[in-house]
């Protein structure tokens, strides 16, 4: 038997009642651990969100990779790490759909500015939602508008 240090209740020493901490079991039972986590996230959410946002701004390739990796894994698709530099070296800097130059000085986020349609998007040749992998072979540079208007084709 093991006693939770927060609620002082005794439980069997199993993973049913305690989370694993390497070779050992956590000192808190699962319900107390969840309470403790919710309290910590509520107290530190603004600081945590700010830290995550700063990290994403400093590491855009990794942030994009993690987001796409999550989407690919969720769909059961393949994925690999690649940088935008590798994409540009492989496919150039023109939109692969209309073959016109991409404006990298504006955001491709919809309605973020008047020229957003000519901004950069990373287009998946076979969409992840349709079983396409998140690999260098399956991505192409495109205009935001060309990518969005193409849809899931």
N, C-alpha and C. Protein backbone atom coordinates (compact mmCIF):
# COMPACT_ATOMS: atom_id res chain seq x y z
N UNK A 1 0.84 -1.18 0.00
CA UNK A 1 0.00 0.00 0.00
C UNK A 1 0.89 1.25 0.00
N UNK A 2 0.35 2.33 -0.58
CA UNK A 2 1.08 3.59 -0.66
C UNK A 2 0.12 4.71 -0.27
N UNK A 3 0.60 5.68 0.50
CA UNK A 3 -0.22 6.79 0.96
C UNK A 3 0.08 8.03 0.13
N UNK A 4 -0.98 8.65 -0.37
CA UNK A 4 -0.85 9.91 -1.12
C UNK A 4 -0.46 11.01 -0.13
N UNK A 5 0.53 11.81 -0.48
CA UNK A 5 0.99 12.85 0.45
C UNK A 5 0.04 14.05 0.51
N UNK A 6 -0.91 14.13 -0.42
CA UNK A 6 -1.83 15.26 -0.41
C UNK A 6 -3.14 14.93 0.33
N UNK A 7 -3.78 13.83 -0.06
CA UNK A 7 -5.08 13.50 0.55
C UNK A 7 -4.95 12.50 1.70
N UNK A 8 -3.76 11.94 1.89
CA UNK A 8 -3.45 11.00 2.99
C UNK A 8 -4.22 9.67 2.90
N UNK A 9 -4.81 9.37 1.74
CA UNK A 9 -5.50 8.09 1.57
C UNK A 9 -4.51 7.02 1.12
N UNK A 10 -4.80 5.78 1.49
CA UNK A 10 -3.94 4.66 1.09
C UNK A 10 -4.53 3.98 -0.14
N UNK A 11 -3.63 3.66 -1.09
CA UNK A 11 -4.01 2.96 -2.32
C UNK A 11 -3.01 1.85 -2.57
N UNK A 12 -3.38 0.84 -3.36
CA UNK A 12 -2.40 -0.17 -3.76
C UNK A 12 -1.31 0.47 -4.59
N UNK A 13 -0.08 -0.03 -4.51
CA UNK A 13 1.06 0.50 -5.25
C UNK A 13 0.99 0.02 -6.71
N UNK A 14 0.07 0.58 -7.48
CA UNK A 14 -0.08 0.19 -8.87
C UNK A 14 -0.24 1.43 -9.74
N UNK A 15 -0.06 1.24 -11.07
CA UNK A 15 -0.23 2.34 -12.01
C UNK A 15 -1.69 2.74 -12.17
N UNK A 16 -2.58 1.96 -11.61
CA UNK A 16 -3.99 2.31 -11.64
C UNK A 16 -4.26 3.51 -10.73
N UNK A 17 -3.48 3.65 -9.67
CA UNK A 17 -3.70 4.70 -8.68
C UNK A 17 -2.63 5.79 -8.68
N UNK A 18 -1.42 5.50 -9.19
CA UNK A 18 -0.32 6.46 -9.17
C UNK A 18 0.34 6.53 -10.55
N UNK A 19 0.79 7.73 -10.94
CA UNK A 19 1.56 7.88 -12.17
C UNK A 19 2.98 7.39 -11.94
N UNK A 20 3.62 6.96 -13.00
CA UNK A 20 5.00 6.48 -12.93
C UNK A 20 5.96 7.66 -12.94
N UNK A 21 7.00 7.59 -12.13
CA UNK A 21 8.08 8.58 -12.11
C UNK A 21 9.38 7.81 -12.32
N UNK A 22 9.62 7.37 -13.56
CA UNK A 22 10.79 6.55 -13.83
C UNK A 22 10.63 5.18 -13.20
N UNK A 23 11.55 4.83 -12.29
CA UNK A 23 11.49 3.54 -11.60
C UNK A 23 10.47 3.54 -10.46
N UNK A 24 10.02 4.72 -10.05
CA UNK A 24 9.18 4.84 -8.87
C UNK A 24 7.78 5.32 -9.24
N UNK A 25 6.89 5.28 -8.25
CA UNK A 25 5.55 5.84 -8.42
C UNK A 25 5.51 7.23 -7.82
N UNK A 26 4.68 8.09 -8.39
CA UNK A 26 4.53 9.46 -7.92
C UNK A 26 4.05 9.47 -6.47
N UNK A 27 4.33 10.53 -5.75
CA UNK A 27 3.93 10.65 -4.34
C UNK A 27 2.45 11.03 -4.21
N UNK A 28 1.86 11.56 -5.30
CA UNK A 28 0.47 11.96 -5.29
C UNK A 28 -0.37 10.91 -6.01
N UNK A 29 -1.57 10.62 -5.52
CA UNK A 29 -2.47 9.72 -6.24
C UNK A 29 -2.94 10.44 -7.52
N UNK A 30 -3.50 9.71 -8.45
CA UNK A 30 -3.90 10.32 -9.73
C UNK A 30 -4.89 11.47 -9.57
N UNK A 31 -5.94 11.35 -8.76
CA UNK A 31 -6.86 12.49 -8.61
C UNK A 31 -6.17 13.74 -8.04
N UNK A 32 -5.30 13.55 -7.06
CA UNK A 32 -4.59 14.69 -6.47
C UNK A 32 -3.59 15.28 -7.47
N UNK A 33 -2.94 14.43 -8.22
CA UNK A 33 -2.00 14.88 -9.24
C UNK A 33 -2.72 15.73 -10.27
N UNK A 34 -3.91 15.30 -10.68
CA UNK A 34 -4.68 16.07 -11.66
C UNK A 34 -5.12 17.42 -11.09
N UNK A 35 -5.52 17.45 -9.82
CA UNK A 35 -5.88 18.72 -9.16
C UNK A 35 -4.69 19.66 -9.14
N UNK A 36 -3.54 19.10 -8.75
CA UNK A 36 -2.31 19.89 -8.67
C UNK A 36 -1.94 20.46 -10.04
N UNK A 37 -2.07 19.65 -11.09
CA UNK A 37 -1.75 20.09 -12.45
C UNK A 37 -2.70 21.19 -12.91
N UNK A 38 -3.99 21.01 -12.68
CA UNK A 38 -4.97 22.03 -13.08
C UNK A 38 -4.69 23.35 -12.37
N UNK A 39 -4.35 23.29 -11.09
CA UNK A 39 -4.03 24.49 -10.33
C UNK A 39 -2.80 25.17 -10.93
N UNK A 40 -1.75 24.39 -11.23
CA UNK A 40 -0.52 24.96 -11.78
C UNK A 40 -0.78 25.61 -13.13
N UNK A 41 -1.52 24.93 -14.03
CA UNK A 41 -1.81 25.49 -15.34
C UNK A 41 -2.64 26.76 -15.23
N UNK A 42 -3.62 26.79 -14.32
CA UNK A 42 -4.44 27.99 -14.13
C UNK A 42 -3.57 29.15 -13.65
N UNK A 43 -2.65 28.86 -12.76
CA UNK A 43 -1.80 29.90 -12.18
C UNK A 43 -0.75 30.40 -13.19
N UNK A 44 -0.24 29.50 -14.05
CA UNK A 44 0.88 29.83 -14.93
C UNK A 44 0.53 29.89 -16.41
N UNK A 45 -0.75 29.91 -16.77
CA UNK A 45 -1.12 29.82 -18.19
C UNK A 45 -0.62 31.01 -19.01
N UNK A 46 -0.72 32.23 -18.49
CA UNK A 46 -0.27 33.39 -19.25
C UNK A 46 1.24 33.35 -19.48
N UNK A 47 1.98 33.02 -18.44
CA UNK A 47 3.44 32.93 -18.54
C UNK A 47 3.83 31.81 -19.50
N UNK A 48 3.13 30.67 -19.41
CA UNK A 48 3.41 29.52 -20.26
C UNK A 48 3.11 29.85 -21.73
N UNK A 49 1.97 30.49 -21.99
CA UNK A 49 1.61 30.86 -23.35
C UNK A 49 2.60 31.85 -23.95
N UNK A 50 3.08 32.78 -23.13
CA UNK A 50 4.07 33.75 -23.59
C UNK A 50 5.38 33.04 -23.95
N UNK A 51 5.79 32.10 -23.11
CA UNK A 51 7.02 31.35 -23.36
C UNK A 51 6.90 30.53 -24.65
N UNK A 52 5.76 29.89 -24.85
CA UNK A 52 5.54 29.09 -26.06
C UNK A 52 5.56 29.99 -27.29
N UNK A 53 4.91 31.14 -27.21
CA UNK A 53 4.87 32.07 -28.35
C UNK A 53 6.27 32.56 -28.70
N UNK A 54 7.08 32.89 -27.68
CA UNK A 54 8.46 33.32 -27.92
C UNK A 54 9.27 32.21 -28.58
N UNK A 55 9.10 30.98 -28.10
CA UNK A 55 9.83 29.85 -28.68
C UNK A 55 9.44 29.66 -30.14
N UNK A 56 8.14 29.75 -30.45
CA UNK A 56 7.68 29.58 -31.84
C UNK A 56 8.26 30.66 -32.74
N UNK A 57 8.36 31.90 -32.24
CA UNK A 57 8.93 32.98 -33.03
C UNK A 57 10.42 32.78 -33.28
N UNK A 58 11.13 32.21 -32.29
CA UNK A 58 12.57 31.98 -32.44
C UNK A 58 12.88 30.73 -33.26
N UNK A 59 11.95 29.76 -33.29
CA UNK A 59 12.18 28.47 -33.96
C UNK A 59 11.03 28.14 -34.92
N UNK A 60 10.84 28.94 -35.99
CA UNK A 60 9.69 28.72 -36.86
C UNK A 60 9.69 27.37 -37.56
N UNK A 61 10.86 26.89 -37.98
CA UNK A 61 10.92 25.60 -38.66
C UNK A 61 10.51 24.46 -37.74
N UNK A 62 11.01 24.49 -36.50
CA UNK A 62 10.66 23.44 -35.55
C UNK A 62 9.18 23.52 -35.14
N UNK A 63 8.68 24.74 -34.95
CA UNK A 63 7.27 24.91 -34.57
C UNK A 63 6.36 24.37 -35.68
N UNK A 64 6.68 24.72 -36.93
CA UNK A 64 5.90 24.21 -38.06
C UNK A 64 5.99 22.69 -38.13
N UNK A 65 7.21 22.16 -37.92
CA UNK A 65 7.41 20.71 -37.97
C UNK A 65 6.57 20.01 -36.91
N UNK A 66 6.58 20.52 -35.67
CA UNK A 66 5.82 19.87 -34.60
C UNK A 66 4.32 19.90 -34.89
N UNK A 67 3.83 21.04 -35.41
CA UNK A 67 2.39 21.15 -35.72
C UNK A 67 2.01 20.17 -36.83
N UNK A 68 2.81 20.15 -37.90
CA UNK A 68 2.50 19.25 -39.02
C UNK A 68 2.72 17.79 -38.63
N UNK A 69 3.72 17.53 -37.79
CA UNK A 69 3.97 16.16 -37.33
C UNK A 69 2.76 15.66 -36.54
N UNK A 70 2.22 16.52 -35.70
CA UNK A 70 1.04 16.15 -34.91
C UNK A 70 -0.13 15.82 -35.84
N UNK A 71 -0.36 16.67 -36.86
CA UNK A 71 -1.44 16.43 -37.82
C UNK A 71 -1.21 15.13 -38.59
N UNK A 72 0.04 14.90 -39.01
CA UNK A 72 0.36 13.70 -39.78
C UNK A 72 0.18 12.44 -38.93
N UNK A 73 0.67 12.47 -37.70
CA UNK A 73 0.52 11.30 -36.81
C UNK A 73 -0.94 11.01 -36.53
N UNK A 74 -1.72 12.06 -36.33
CA UNK A 74 -3.15 11.91 -36.05
C UNK A 74 -3.86 11.22 -37.23
N UNK A 75 -3.40 11.51 -38.45
CA UNK A 75 -3.98 10.91 -39.65
C UNK A 75 -3.32 9.60 -40.03
N UNK A 76 -2.27 9.21 -39.29
CA UNK A 76 -1.56 7.97 -39.60
C UNK A 76 -0.62 8.11 -40.78
N UNK A 77 -0.15 9.33 -41.06
CA UNK A 77 0.72 9.59 -42.21
C UNK A 77 2.18 9.66 -41.78
N UNK A 78 3.06 9.62 -42.77
CA UNK A 78 4.50 9.70 -42.56
C UNK A 78 4.90 11.17 -42.37
N UNK A 79 6.05 11.42 -41.74
CA UNK A 79 6.55 12.77 -41.55
C UNK A 79 8.06 12.73 -41.41
N UNK A 80 8.70 13.86 -41.71
CA UNK A 80 10.15 14.02 -41.52
C UNK A 80 10.43 15.50 -41.30
N UNK A 81 11.57 15.79 -40.69
CA UNK A 81 11.94 17.19 -40.45
C UNK A 81 12.57 17.76 -41.71
N UNK A 82 12.17 18.97 -42.08
CA UNK A 82 12.78 19.70 -43.19
C UNK A 82 12.69 21.18 -42.85
N UNK A 83 13.56 21.97 -43.45
CA UNK A 83 13.54 23.41 -43.20
C UNK A 83 12.96 24.12 -44.42
N UNK A 84 12.54 25.35 -44.23
CA UNK A 84 12.04 26.13 -45.37
C UNK A 84 13.16 26.37 -46.37
N UNK A 85 14.39 26.50 -45.89
CA UNK A 85 15.53 26.68 -46.78
C UNK A 85 15.64 25.49 -47.74
N UNK A 86 15.45 24.28 -47.22
CA UNK A 86 15.49 23.09 -48.07
C UNK A 86 14.37 23.10 -49.10
N UNK A 87 13.19 23.57 -48.69
CA UNK A 87 12.06 23.66 -49.62
C UNK A 87 12.39 24.63 -50.74
N UNK A 88 12.95 25.82 -50.41
CA UNK A 88 13.29 26.82 -51.42
C UNK A 88 14.41 26.34 -52.33
N UNK A 89 15.40 25.65 -51.78
CA UNK A 89 16.50 25.12 -52.60
C UNK A 89 15.99 24.06 -53.57
N UNK A 90 15.02 23.26 -53.14
CA UNK A 90 14.50 22.17 -53.97
C UNK A 90 13.50 22.67 -55.01
N UNK A 91 12.59 23.56 -54.62
CA UNK A 91 11.48 23.94 -55.50
C UNK A 91 11.49 25.40 -55.94
N UNK A 92 12.43 26.20 -55.46
CA UNK A 92 12.49 27.61 -55.82
C UNK A 92 11.56 28.46 -54.96
N UNK A 93 11.43 29.74 -55.34
CA UNK A 93 10.63 30.66 -54.53
C UNK A 93 9.39 31.16 -55.27
N UNK A 94 9.09 30.59 -56.42
CA UNK A 94 7.85 30.93 -57.11
C UNK A 94 6.74 29.99 -56.67
N UNK A 95 5.51 30.46 -56.77
CA UNK A 95 4.35 29.64 -56.44
C UNK A 95 4.29 28.48 -57.42
N UNK A 96 4.19 27.28 -56.93
CA UNK A 96 4.19 26.13 -57.83
C UNK A 96 2.86 25.98 -58.55
N UNK A 97 1.80 26.66 -58.08
CA UNK A 97 0.49 26.58 -58.73
C UNK A 97 0.36 27.56 -59.89
N UNK A 98 0.81 28.81 -59.71
CA UNK A 98 0.66 29.82 -60.77
C UNK A 98 2.00 30.27 -61.34
N UNK A 99 3.10 29.83 -60.78
CA UNK A 99 4.47 30.14 -61.23
C UNK A 99 4.82 31.63 -61.18
N UNK A 100 4.17 32.39 -60.29
CA UNK A 100 4.48 33.80 -60.10
C UNK A 100 5.30 33.94 -58.81
N UNK A 101 6.13 35.00 -58.69
CA UNK A 101 6.94 35.19 -57.48
C UNK A 101 6.07 35.38 -56.23
N UNK A 102 6.55 34.86 -55.12
CA UNK A 102 5.86 34.98 -53.84
C UNK A 102 6.39 36.22 -53.12
N UNK A 103 5.51 36.99 -52.49
CA UNK A 103 5.91 38.18 -51.74
C UNK A 103 6.20 37.75 -50.29
N UNK A 104 7.47 37.62 -49.94
CA UNK A 104 7.86 37.17 -48.61
C UNK A 104 7.84 38.29 -47.58
N UNK A 105 7.59 39.53 -48.01
CA UNK A 105 7.59 40.64 -47.06
C UNK A 105 6.22 40.83 -46.39
N UNK A 106 5.21 40.09 -46.85
CA UNK A 106 3.88 40.18 -46.22
C UNK A 106 3.49 38.83 -45.65
N UNK A 107 2.62 38.87 -44.66
CA UNK A 107 2.12 37.64 -44.04
C UNK A 107 1.09 36.99 -44.96
N UNK A 108 1.10 35.67 -44.99
CA UNK A 108 0.11 34.94 -45.76
C UNK A 108 -1.12 34.60 -44.94
N UNK A 109 -1.21 35.16 -43.74
CA UNK A 109 -2.35 34.91 -42.87
C UNK A 109 -3.56 35.65 -43.43
N UNK A 110 -4.67 34.96 -43.68
CA UNK A 110 -5.84 35.61 -44.29
C UNK A 110 -6.27 36.87 -43.57
N UNK A 111 -6.49 37.92 -44.37
CA UNK A 111 -6.97 39.23 -43.92
C UNK A 111 -6.04 39.93 -42.94
N UNK A 112 -4.76 39.52 -42.87
CA UNK A 112 -3.82 40.18 -41.97
C UNK A 112 -3.35 41.51 -42.53
N UNK A 113 -3.40 41.67 -43.85
CA UNK A 113 -3.02 42.90 -44.52
C UNK A 113 -3.62 42.89 -45.92
N UNK A 114 -3.61 44.02 -46.63
CA UNK A 114 -4.24 44.05 -47.96
C UNK A 114 -3.58 43.11 -48.99
N UNK A 115 -2.30 42.83 -48.85
CA UNK A 115 -1.61 41.98 -49.82
C UNK A 115 -1.44 40.53 -49.35
N UNK A 116 -2.22 40.08 -48.39
CA UNK A 116 -2.02 38.75 -47.82
C UNK A 116 -2.11 37.64 -48.86
N UNK A 117 -2.88 37.84 -49.91
CA UNK A 117 -3.07 36.78 -50.91
C UNK A 117 -1.77 36.42 -51.63
N UNK A 118 -0.84 37.38 -51.73
CA UNK A 118 0.43 37.09 -52.42
C UNK A 118 1.51 36.60 -51.44
N UNK A 119 1.16 36.48 -50.16
CA UNK A 119 2.10 36.02 -49.14
C UNK A 119 2.40 34.54 -49.26
N UNK A 120 3.31 34.05 -48.44
CA UNK A 120 3.81 32.67 -48.52
C UNK A 120 2.97 31.69 -47.72
N UNK A 121 2.68 30.55 -48.34
CA UNK A 121 2.10 29.38 -47.67
C UNK A 121 2.92 28.17 -48.07
N UNK A 122 3.02 27.23 -47.19
CA UNK A 122 3.67 25.96 -47.49
C UNK A 122 2.55 24.98 -47.85
N UNK A 123 2.49 24.62 -49.12
CA UNK A 123 1.41 23.80 -49.67
C UNK A 123 1.79 22.33 -49.65
N UNK A 124 0.92 21.48 -49.14
CA UNK A 124 1.13 20.03 -49.23
C UNK A 124 0.52 19.56 -50.54
N UNK A 125 1.35 18.99 -51.42
CA UNK A 125 0.92 18.52 -52.74
C UNK A 125 -0.24 17.54 -52.59
N UNK A 126 -0.07 16.54 -51.74
CA UNK A 126 -1.18 15.67 -51.33
C UNK A 126 -1.50 16.09 -49.90
N UNK A 127 -2.69 16.65 -49.66
CA UNK A 127 -3.01 17.15 -48.32
C UNK A 127 -2.85 16.08 -47.23
N UNK A 128 -2.42 16.50 -46.06
CA UNK A 128 -2.29 15.57 -44.94
C UNK A 128 -3.64 14.92 -44.65
N UNK A 129 -4.71 15.70 -44.80
CA UNK A 129 -6.05 15.15 -44.54
C UNK A 129 -6.44 14.06 -45.54
N UNK A 130 -5.78 14.03 -46.70
CA UNK A 130 -6.06 13.00 -47.71
C UNK A 130 -5.00 11.91 -47.71
N UNK A 131 -4.22 11.82 -46.65
CA UNK A 131 -3.24 10.75 -46.54
C UNK A 131 -1.84 11.12 -46.98
N UNK A 132 -1.61 12.39 -47.30
CA UNK A 132 -0.28 12.82 -47.74
C UNK A 132 0.68 12.95 -46.58
N UNK A 133 1.96 12.61 -46.80
CA UNK A 133 2.94 12.73 -45.72
C UNK A 133 3.42 14.17 -45.56
N UNK A 134 3.97 14.47 -44.40
CA UNK A 134 4.59 15.78 -44.19
C UNK A 134 6.08 15.60 -44.41
N UNK A 135 6.47 15.51 -45.68
CA UNK A 135 7.86 15.30 -46.05
C UNK A 135 8.26 16.34 -47.09
N UNK A 136 9.56 16.51 -47.31
CA UNK A 136 10.06 17.47 -48.29
C UNK A 136 9.52 17.17 -49.69
N UNK A 137 9.33 15.91 -50.01
CA UNK A 137 8.84 15.53 -51.33
C UNK A 137 7.38 15.92 -51.54
N UNK A 138 6.65 16.18 -50.47
CA UNK A 138 5.22 16.45 -50.58
C UNK A 138 4.86 17.91 -50.32
N UNK A 139 5.82 18.80 -50.13
CA UNK A 139 5.51 20.21 -49.88
C UNK A 139 6.05 21.08 -51.01
N UNK A 140 5.37 22.19 -51.25
CA UNK A 140 5.76 23.13 -52.29
C UNK A 140 5.48 24.55 -51.78
N UNK A 141 6.26 25.54 -52.23
CA UNK A 141 5.94 26.92 -51.89
C UNK A 141 4.76 27.41 -52.73
N UNK A 142 3.88 28.20 -52.14
CA UNK A 142 2.75 28.73 -52.90
C UNK A 142 2.30 30.06 -52.31
N UNK A 143 1.48 30.77 -53.10
CA UNK A 143 0.81 31.96 -52.59
C UNK A 143 -0.27 31.52 -51.61
N UNK A 144 -0.58 32.36 -50.66
CA UNK A 144 -1.64 32.04 -49.70
C UNK A 144 -2.96 31.80 -50.44
N UNK A 145 -3.28 32.69 -51.37
CA UNK A 145 -4.56 32.57 -52.06
C UNK A 145 -4.61 31.33 -52.95
N UNK A 146 -3.53 31.02 -53.64
CA UNK A 146 -3.49 29.82 -54.50
C UNK A 146 -3.71 28.57 -53.65
N UNK A 147 -3.08 28.52 -52.49
CA UNK A 147 -3.20 27.37 -51.61
C UNK A 147 -4.62 27.24 -51.06
N UNK A 148 -5.18 28.36 -50.59
CA UNK A 148 -6.50 28.32 -49.99
C UNK A 148 -7.57 28.02 -51.04
N UNK A 149 -7.47 28.63 -52.20
CA UNK A 149 -8.50 28.42 -53.23
C UNK A 149 -8.43 27.01 -53.83
N UNK A 150 -7.28 26.36 -53.73
CA UNK A 150 -7.13 25.00 -54.23
C UNK A 150 -7.98 24.03 -53.41
N UNK A 151 -8.13 24.30 -52.13
CA UNK A 151 -8.91 23.43 -51.24
C UNK A 151 -8.20 22.12 -50.97
N UNK A 152 -8.96 21.03 -50.87
CA UNK A 152 -8.41 19.73 -50.51
C UNK A 152 -8.25 18.84 -51.73
N UNK A 153 -7.80 19.40 -52.83
CA UNK A 153 -7.65 18.62 -54.08
C UNK A 153 -6.27 18.02 -54.18
